[in-house]
Amino acid sequence: MASRIALIAILAESTESAEQINALLHEYSGYILGRMGIPCPERGVNIISVAIDAPQDKISALSGKIGALSGVTAKTVYSPDGPKP
């Protein structure tokens, strides 16, 4: 399966989920290009962005597992597929 570039946006409203999120990111670390976390305590949320280069099924699996955690929302944006000029 072809690899794709994607960005997973994660909003975590619960600090209890941090350990679970980190465990999942570690599980998929071979595909992760980079990640950035921004704490926003005044709004009660932590913002995490994950850049990933992986087959679409791996990206979907990671995003789905993270989004299934309590107090966590995850959305994925994919790069256009197809040959580059």
PDB file of N, CA and C in Angstrom:
ATOM      1  N   MET A   1       0.842  -1.175   0.000  1.00  0.00           N
ATOM      2  CA  MET A   1       0.000   0.000   0.000  1.00  0.00           C
ATOM      3  C   MET A   1       0.889   1.240   0.000  1.00  0.00           C
ATOM      4  N   ALA A   2       0.485   2.244  -0.778  1.00  0.00           N
ATOM      5  CA  ALA A   2       1.255   3.480  -0.897  1.00  0.00           C
ATOM      6  C   ALA A   2       1.210   4.277   0.401  1.00  0.00           C
ATOM      7  N   SER A   3       2.306   4.952   0.655  1.00  0.00           N
ATOM      8  CA  SER A   3       2.412   5.792   1.832  1.00  0.00           C
ATOM      9  C   SER A   3       1.819   7.165   1.521  1.00  0.00           C
ATOM     10  N   ARG A   4       1.238   7.793   2.531  1.00  0.00           N
ATOM     11  CA  ARG A   4       0.661   9.136   2.387  1.00  0.00           C
ATOM     12  C   ARG A   4       1.163  10.022   3.516  1.00  0.00           C
ATOM     13  N   ILE A   5       1.142  11.290   3.249  1.00  0.00           N
ATOM     14  CA  ILE A   5       1.458  12.288   4.271  1.00  0.00           C
ATOM     15  C   ILE A   5       0.126  12.779   4.836  1.00  0.00           C
ATOM     16  N   ALA A   6       0.072  12.903   6.150  1.00  0.00           N
ATOM     17  CA  ALA A   6      -1.149  13.397   6.787  1.00  0.00           C
ATOM     18  C   ALA A   6      -0.781  14.162   8.049  1.00  0.00           C
ATOM     19  N   LEU A   7      -1.736  14.929   8.516  1.00  0.00           N
ATOM     20  CA  LEU A   7      -1.606  15.646   9.776  1.00  0.00           C
ATOM     21  C   LEU A   7      -2.784  15.254  10.648  1.00  0.00           C
ATOM     22  N   ILE A   8      -2.489  14.753  11.839  1.00  0.00           N
ATOM     23  CA  ILE A   8      -3.532  14.393  12.798  1.00  0.00           C
ATOM     24  C   ILE A   8      -3.595  15.506  13.842  1.00  0.00           C
ATOM     25  N   ALA A   9      -4.754  16.131  13.962  1.00  0.00           N
ATOM     26  CA  ALA A   9      -4.975  17.171  14.963  1.00  0.00           C
ATOM     27  C   ALA A   9      -5.687  16.530  16.148  1.00  0.00           C
ATOM     28  N   ILE A  10      -5.122  16.706  17.325  1.00  0.00           N
ATOM     29  CA  ILE A  10      -5.654  16.087  18.537  1.00  0.00           C
ATOM     30  C   ILE A  10      -5.971  17.181  19.557  1.00  0.00           C
ATOM     31  N   LEU A  11      -7.192  17.152  20.087  1.00  0.00           N
ATOM     32  CA  LEU A  11      -7.584  18.039  21.176  1.00  0.00           C
ATOM     33  C   LEU A  11      -7.885  17.158  22.382  1.00  0.00           C
ATOM     34  N   ALA A  12      -7.094  17.305  23.422  1.00  0.00           N
ATOM     35  CA  ALA A  12      -7.264  16.496  24.621  1.00  0.00           C
ATOM     36  C   ALA A  12      -7.753  17.375  25.767  1.00  0.00           C
ATOM     37  N   GLU A  13      -8.977  17.117  26.198  1.00  0.00           N
ATOM     38  CA  GLU A  13      -9.560  17.882  27.302  1.00  0.00           C
ATOM     39  C   GLU A  13      -9.274  17.239  28.652  1.00  0.00           C
ATOM     40  N   SER A  14      -8.711  16.039  28.617  1.00  0.00           N
ATOM     41  CA  SER A  14      -8.463  15.298  29.845  1.00  0.00           C
ATOM     42  C   SER A  14      -6.967  14.996  29.976  1.00  0.00           C
ATOM     43  N   THR A  15      -6.364  15.397  31.093  1.00  0.00           N
ATOM     44  CA  THR A  15      -4.946  15.090  31.297  1.00  0.00           C
ATOM     45  C   THR A  15      -4.730  13.605  31.570  1.00  0.00           C
ATOM     46  N   GLU A  16      -5.797  12.907  31.973  1.00  0.00           N
ATOM     47  CA  GLU A  16      -5.675  11.466  32.216  1.00  0.00           C
ATOM     48  C   GLU A  16      -5.385  10.707  30.921  1.00  0.00           C
ATOM     49  N   SER A  17      -5.738  11.275  29.790  1.00  0.00           N
ATOM     50  CA  SER A  17      -5.540  10.591  28.515  1.00  0.00           C
ATOM     51  C   SER A  17      -4.125  10.759  27.967  1.00  0.00           C
ATOM     52  N   ALA A  18      -3.318  11.620  28.562  1.00  0.00           N
ATOM     53  CA  ALA A  18      -1.979  11.907  28.045  1.00  0.00           C
ATOM     54  C   ALA A  18      -1.123  10.645  27.940  1.00  0.00           C
ATOM     55  N   GLU A  19      -1.155   9.808  28.953  1.00  0.00           N
ATOM     56  CA  GLU A  19      -0.351   8.584  28.942  1.00  0.00           C
ATOM     57  C   GLU A  19      -0.795   7.649  27.818  1.00  0.00           C
ATOM     58  N   GLN A  20      -2.099   7.540  27.609  1.00  0.00           N
ATOM     59  CA  GLN A  20      -2.623   6.676  26.543  1.00  0.00           C
ATOM     60  C   GLN A  20      -2.271   7.228  25.165  1.00  0.00           C
ATOM     61  N   ILE A  21      -2.368   8.537  25.006  1.00  0.00           N
ATOM     62  CA  ILE A  21      -1.999   9.162  23.730  1.00  0.00           C
ATOM     63  C   ILE A  21      -0.523   8.908  23.447  1.00  0.00           C
ATOM     64  N   ASN A  22       0.330   9.139  24.434  1.00  0.00           N
ATOM     65  CA  ASN A  22       1.760   8.925  24.243  1.00  0.00           C
ATOM     66  C   ASN A  22       2.087   7.472  23.925  1.00  0.00           C
ATOM     67  N   ALA A  23       1.383   6.528  24.541  1.00  0.00           N
ATOM     68  CA  ALA A  23       1.613   5.111  24.256  1.00  0.00           C
ATOM     69  C   ALA A  23       1.252   4.789  22.804  1.00  0.00           C
ATOM     70  N   LEU A  24       0.138   5.339  22.315  1.00  0.00           N
ATOM     71  CA  LEU A  24      -0.256   5.113  20.931  1.00  0.00           C
ATOM     72  C   LEU A  24       0.733   5.760  19.966  1.00  0.00           C
ATOM     73  N   LEU A  25       1.171   6.976  20.259  1.00  0.00           N
ATOM     74  CA  LEU A  25       2.146   7.636  19.397  1.00  0.00           C
ATOM     75  C   LEU A  25       3.457   6.858  19.376  1.00  0.00           C
ATOM     76  N   HIS A  26       3.839   6.303  20.500  1.00  0.00           N
ATOM     77  CA  HIS A  26       5.054   5.478  20.552  1.00  0.00           C
ATOM     78  C   HIS A  26       4.893   4.217  19.697  1.00  0.00           C
ATOM     79  N   GLU A  27       3.708   3.622  19.740  1.00  0.00           N
ATOM     80  CA  GLU A  27       3.425   2.417  18.957  1.00  0.00           C
ATOM     81  C   GLU A  27       3.585   2.682  17.455  1.00  0.00           C
ATOM     82  N   TYR A  28       3.245   3.876  17.007  1.00  0.00           N
ATOM     83  CA  TYR A  28       3.316   4.248  15.594  1.00  0.00           C
ATOM     84  C   TYR A  28       4.514   5.154  15.300  1.00  0.00           C
ATOM     85  N   SER A  29       5.496   5.206  16.187  1.00  0.00           N
ATOM     86  CA  SER A  29       6.605   6.156  16.072  1.00  0.00           C
ATOM     87  C   SER A  29       7.430   5.982  14.798  1.00  0.00           C
ATOM     88  N   GLY A  30       7.443   4.803  14.220  1.00  0.00           N
ATOM     89  CA  GLY A  30       8.191   4.583  12.989  1.00  0.00           C
ATOM     90  C   GLY A  30       7.631   5.348  11.806  1.00  0.00           C
ATOM     91  N   TYR A  31       6.398   5.784  11.904  1.00  0.00           N
ATOM     92  CA  TYR A  31       5.740   6.527  10.828  1.00  0.00           C
ATOM     93  C   TYR A  31       5.693   8.032  11.088  1.00  0.00           C
ATOM     94  N   ILE A  32       5.945   8.448  12.318  1.00  0.00           N
ATOM     95  CA  ILE A  32       5.758   9.848  12.705  1.00  0.00           C
ATOM     96  C   ILE A  32       6.949  10.693  12.269  1.00  0.00           C
ATOM     97  N   LEU A  33       6.646  11.769  11.528  1.00  0.00           N
ATOM     98  CA  LEU A  33       7.678  12.698  11.074  1.00  0.00           C
ATOM     99  C   LEU A  33       8.002  13.723  12.158  1.00  0.00           C
ATOM    100  N   GLY A  34       6.982  14.130  12.893  1.00  0.00           N
ATOM    101  CA  GLY A  34       7.174  15.115  13.951  1.00  0.00           C
ATOM    102  C   GLY A  34       5.871  15.359  14.683  1.00  0.00           C
ATOM    103  N   ARG A  35       6.002  15.938  15.861  1.00  0.00           N
ATOM    104  CA  ARG A  35       4.807  16.256  16.641  1.00  0.00           C
ATOM    105  C   ARG A  35       5.049  17.524  17.427  1.00  0.00           C
ATOM    106  N   MET A  36       3.953  18.221  17.711  1.00  0.00           N
ATOM    107  CA  MET A  36       4.030  19.451  18.473  1.00  0.00           C
ATOM    108  C   MET A  36       2.864  19.478  19.451  1.00  0.00           C
ATOM    109  N   GLY A  37       3.158  19.808  20.677  1.00  0.00           N
ATOM    110  CA  GLY A  37       2.118  19.918  21.689  1.00  0.00           C
ATOM    111  C   GLY A  37       2.042  21.337  22.227  1.00  0.00           C
ATOM    112  N   ILE A  38       0.819  21.826  22.363  1.00  0.00           N
ATOM    113  CA  ILE A  38       0.607  23.177  22.879  1.00  0.00           C
ATOM    114  C   ILE A  38      -0.389  23.092  24.034  1.00  0.00           C
ATOM    115  N   PRO A  39       0.068  23.314  25.260  1.00  0.00           N
ATOM    116  CA  PRO A  39      -0.868  23.321  26.378  1.00  0.00           C
ATOM    117  C   PRO A  39      -1.667  24.624  26.374  1.00  0.00           C
ATOM    118  N   CYS A  40      -2.926  24.516  26.691  1.00  0.00           N
ATOM    119  CA  CYS A  40      -3.795  25.693  26.753  1.00  0.00           C
ATOM    120  C   CYS A  40      -4.660  25.560  28.014  1.00  0.00           C
ATOM    121  N   PRO A  41      -4.024  25.669  29.198  1.00  0.00           N
ATOM    122  CA  PRO A  41      -4.748  25.419  30.442  1.00  0.00           C
ATOM    123  C   PRO A  41      -5.895  26.383  30.706  1.00  0.00           C
ATOM    124  N   GLU A  42      -5.779  27.619  30.218  1.00  0.00           N
ATOM    125  CA  GLU A  42      -6.871  28.575  30.455  1.00  0.00           C
ATOM    126  C   GLU A  42      -8.149  28.175  29.724  1.00  0.00           C
ATOM    127  N   ARG A  43      -8.029  27.332  28.689  1.00  0.00           N
ATOM    128  CA  ARG A  43      -9.197  26.831  27.959  1.00  0.00           C
ATOM    129  C   ARG A  43      -9.486  25.370  28.292  1.00  0.00           C
ATOM    130  N   GLY A  44      -8.628  24.757  29.119  1.00  0.00           N
ATOM    131  CA  GLY A  44      -8.849  23.376  29.539  1.00  0.00           C
ATOM    132  C   GLY A  44      -8.615  22.344  28.444  1.00  0.00           C
ATOM    133  N   VAL A  45      -7.664  22.643  27.556  1.00  0.00           N
ATOM    134  CA  VAL A  45      -7.399  21.719  26.452  1.00  0.00           C
ATOM    135  C   VAL A  45      -5.902  21.706  26.129  1.00  0.00           C
ATOM    136  N   ASN A  46      -5.445  20.577  25.643  1.00  0.00           N
ATOM    137  CA  ASN A  46      -4.091  20.448  25.127  1.00  0.00           C
ATOM    138  C   ASN A  46      -4.207  20.145  23.643  1.00  0.00           C
ATOM    139  N   ILE A  47      -3.429  20.854  22.833  1.00  0.00           N
ATOM    140  CA  ILE A  47      -3.481  20.719  21.389  1.00  0.00           C
ATOM    141  C   ILE A  47      -2.222  19.986  20.944  1.00  0.00           C
ATOM    142  N   ILE A  48      -2.411  18.925  20.167  1.00  0.00           N
ATOM    143  CA  ILE A  48      -1.282  18.153  19.668  1.00  0.00           C
ATOM    144  C   ILE A  48      -1.453  17.991  18.165  1.00  0.00           C
ATOM    145  N   SER A  49      -0.391  18.252  17.420  1.00  0.00           N
ATOM    146  CA  SER A  49      -0.420  17.976  15.987  1.00  0.00           C
ATOM    147  C   SER A  49       0.666  16.938  15.691  1.00  0.00           C
ATOM    148  N   VAL A  50       0.312  15.984  14.857  1.00  0.00           N
ATOM    149  CA  VAL A  50       1.229  14.899  14.514  1.00  0.00           C
ATOM    150  C   VAL A  50       1.319  14.808  13.000  1.00  0.00           C
ATOM    151  N   ALA A  51       2.520  15.005  12.461  1.00  0.00           N
ATOM    152  CA  ALA A  51       2.764  14.818  11.029  1.00  0.00           C
ATOM    153  C   ALA A  51       3.213  13.371  10.839  1.00  0.00           C
ATOM    154  N   ILE A  52       2.590  12.680   9.881  1.00  0.00           N
ATOM    155  CA  ILE A  52       2.828  11.255   9.722  1.00  0.00           C
ATOM    156  C   ILE A  52       2.951  10.896   8.242  1.00  0.00           C
ATOM    157  N   ASP A  53       3.814   9.936   7.943  1.00  0.00           N
ATOM    158  CA  ASP A  53       4.007   9.403   6.596  1.00  0.00           C
ATOM    159  C   ASP A  53       3.826   7.899   6.710  1.00  0.00           C
ATOM    160  N   ALA A  54       2.663   7.404   6.280  1.00  0.00           N
ATOM    161  CA  ALA A  54       2.324   5.995   6.495  1.00  0.00           C
ATOM    162  C   ALA A  54       1.246   5.571   5.501  1.00  0.00           C
ATOM    163  N   PRO A  55       1.032   4.263   5.375  1.00  0.00           N
ATOM    164  CA  PRO A  55      -0.122   3.805   4.581  1.00  0.00           C
ATOM    165  C   PRO A  55      -1.414   4.330   5.208  1.00  0.00           C
ATOM    166  N   GLN A  56      -2.414   4.565   4.379  1.00  0.00           N
ATOM    167  CA  GLN A  56      -3.662   5.164   4.848  1.00  0.00           C
ATOM    168  C   GLN A  56      -4.312   4.341   5.962  1.00  0.00           C
ATOM    169  N   ASP A  57      -4.216   3.022   5.901  1.00  0.00           N
ATOM    170  CA  ASP A  57      -4.840   2.212   6.951  1.00  0.00           C
ATOM    171  C   ASP A  57      -4.166   2.423   8.308  1.00  0.00           C
ATOM    172  N   LYS A  58      -2.858   2.649   8.313  1.00  0.00           N
ATOM    173  CA  LYS A  58      -2.143   2.911   9.578  1.00  0.00           C
ATOM    174  C   LYS A  58      -2.535   4.279  10.135  1.00  0.00           C
ATOM    175  N   ILE A  59      -2.646   5.270   9.254  1.00  0.00           N
ATOM    176  CA  ILE A  59      -3.030   6.613   9.688  1.00  0.00           C
ATOM    177  C   ILE A  59      -4.438   6.584  10.280  1.00  0.00           C
ATOM    178  N   SER A  60      -5.346   5.926   9.581  1.00  0.00           N
ATOM    179  CA  SER A  60      -6.736   5.828  10.054  1.00  0.00           C
ATOM    180  C   SER A  60      -6.820   5.089  11.378  1.00  0.00           C
ATOM    181  N   ALA A  61      -6.026   4.020  11.510  1.00  0.00           N
ATOM    182  CA  ALA A  61      -6.040   3.247  12.753  1.00  0.00           C
ATOM    183  C   ALA A  61      -5.561   4.091  13.928  1.00  0.00           C
ATOM    184  N   LEU A  62      -4.462   4.819  13.746  1.00  0.00           N
ATOM    185  CA  LEU A  62      -3.941   5.659  14.823  1.00  0.00           C
ATOM    186  C   LEU A  62      -4.936   6.752  15.196  1.00  0.00           C
ATOM    187  N   SER A  63      -5.454   7.439  14.197  1.00  0.00           N
ATOM    188  CA  SER A  63      -6.418   8.506  14.462  1.00  0.00           C
ATOM    189  C   SER A  63      -7.665   7.966  15.159  1.00  0.00           C
ATOM    190  N   GLY A  64      -8.145   6.823  14.723  1.00  0.00           N
ATOM    191  CA  GLY A  64      -9.326   6.213  15.337  1.00  0.00           C
ATOM    192  C   GLY A  64      -9.100   5.806  16.775  1.00  0.00           C
ATOM    193  N   LYS A  65      -7.934   5.221  17.053  1.00  0.00           N
ATOM    194  CA  LYS A  65      -7.616   4.805  18.424  1.00  0.00           C
ATOM    195  C   LYS A  65      -7.499   6.009  19.350  1.00  0.00           C
ATOM    196  N   ILE A  66      -6.864   7.073  18.863  1.00  0.00           N
ATOM    197  CA  ILE A  66      -6.727   8.284  19.680  1.00  0.00           C
ATOM    198  C   ILE A  66      -8.089   8.932  19.893  1.00  0.00           C
ATOM    199  N   GLY A  67      -8.880   9.044  18.835  1.00  0.00           N
ATOM    200  CA  GLY A  67     -10.192   9.665  18.929  1.00  0.00           C
ATOM    201  C   GLY A  67     -11.170   8.905  19.806  1.00  0.00           C
ATOM    202  N   ALA A  68     -10.916   7.610  20.009  1.00  0.00           N
ATOM    203  CA  ALA A  68     -11.796   6.793  20.849  1.00  0.00           C
ATOM    204  C   ALA A  68     -11.524   6.986  22.341  1.00  0.00           C
ATOM    205  N   LEU A  69     -10.421   7.653  22.685  1.00  0.00           N
ATOM    206  CA  LEU A  69     -10.101   7.871  24.095  1.00  0.00           C
ATOM    207  C   LEU A  69     -11.070   8.893  24.697  1.00  0.00           C
ATOM    208  N   SER A  70     -11.369   8.710  25.956  1.00  0.00           N
ATOM    209  CA  SER A  70     -12.283   9.604  26.657  1.00  0.00           C
ATOM    210  C   SER A  70     -11.708  11.020  26.739  1.00  0.00           C
ATOM    211  N   GLY A  71     -12.506  12.022  26.355  1.00  0.00           N
ATOM    212  CA  GLY A  71     -12.085  13.412  26.443  1.00  0.00           C
ATOM    213  C   GLY A  71     -11.128  13.836  25.346  1.00  0.00           C
ATOM    214  N   VAL A  72     -11.029  13.036  24.272  1.00  0.00           N
ATOM    215  CA  VAL A  72     -10.083  13.330  23.199  1.00  0.00           C
ATOM    216  C   VAL A  72     -10.821  13.356  21.859  1.00  0.00           C
ATOM    217  N   THR A  73     -10.476  14.332  21.031  1.00  0.00           N
ATOM    218  CA  THR A  73     -10.986  14.423  19.667  1.00  0.00           C
ATOM    219  C   THR A  73      -9.795  14.390  18.726  1.00  0.00           C
ATOM    220  N   ALA A  74      -9.899  13.622  17.644  1.00  0.00           N
ATOM    221  CA  ALA A  74      -8.826  13.564  16.649  1.00  0.00           C
ATOM    222  C   ALA A  74      -9.432  13.658  15.256  1.00  0.00           C
ATOM    223  N   LYS A  75      -8.837  14.486  14.432  1.00  0.00           N
ATOM    224  CA  LYS A  75      -9.239  14.650  13.031  1.00  0.00           C
ATOM    225  C   LYS A  75      -7.983  14.581  12.169  1.00  0.00           C
ATOM    226  N   THR A  76      -8.139  14.017  10.979  1.00  0.00           N
ATOM    227  CA  THR A  76      -6.996  13.830  10.091  1.00  0.00           C
ATOM    228  C   THR A  76      -7.206  14.559   8.775  1.00  0.00           C
ATOM    229  N   VAL A  77      -6.142  15.192   8.309  1.00  0.00           N
ATOM    230  CA  VAL A  77      -6.122  15.839   6.999  1.00  0.00           C
ATOM    231  C   VAL A  77      -5.039  15.131   6.187  1.00  0.00           C
ATOM    232  N   TYR A  78      -5.427  14.652   5.000  1.00  0.00           N
ATOM    233  CA  TYR A  78      -4.495  13.932   4.137  1.00  0.00           C
ATOM    234  C   TYR A  78      -3.971  14.826   3.026  1.00  0.00           C
ATOM    235  N   SER A  79      -2.727  14.577   2.620  1.00  0.00           N
ATOM    236  CA  SER A  79      -2.211  15.241   1.440  1.00  0.00           C
ATOM    237  C   SER A  79      -2.878  14.644   0.219  1.00  0.00           C
ATOM    238  N   PRO A  80      -2.951  15.394  -0.857  1.00  0.00           N
ATOM    239  CA  PRO A  80      -3.516  14.807  -2.077  1.00  0.00           C
ATOM    240  C   PRO A  80      -2.639  13.630  -2.514  1.00  0.00           C
ATOM    241  N   ASP A  81      -3.280  12.556  -2.980  1.00  0.00           N
ATOM    242  CA  ASP A  81      -2.477  11.451  -3.462  1.00  0.00           C
ATOM    243  C   ASP A  81      -2.308  11.577  -4.975  1.00  0.00           C
ATOM    244  N   GLY A  82      -1.491  10.737  -5.505  1.00  0.00           N
ATOM    245  CA  GLY A  82      -1.196  10.794  -6.931  1.00  0.00           C
ATOM    246  C   GLY A  82       0.217  11.277  -7.157  1.00  0.00           C
ATOM    247  N   PRO A  83       0.684  11.167  -8.388  1.00  0.00           N
ATOM    248  CA  PRO A  83       2.072  11.553  -8.680  1.00  0.00           C
ATOM    249  C   PRO A  83       2.282  13.050  -8.545  1.00  0.00           C
ATOM    250  N   LYS A  84       3.448  13.394  -8.118  1.00  0.00           N
ATOM    251  CA  LYS A  84       3.829  14.806  -7.989  1.00  0.00           C
ATOM    252  C   LYS A  84       4.487  15.255  -9.279  1.00  0.00           C
ATOM    253  N   PRO A  85       4.279  16.516  -9.683  1.00  0.00           N
ATOM    254  CA  PRO A  85       4.884  17.008 -10.939  1.00  0.00           C
ATOM    255  C   PRO A  85       6.382  17.111 -10.836  1.00  0.00           C
TER     256      PRO A  85
END
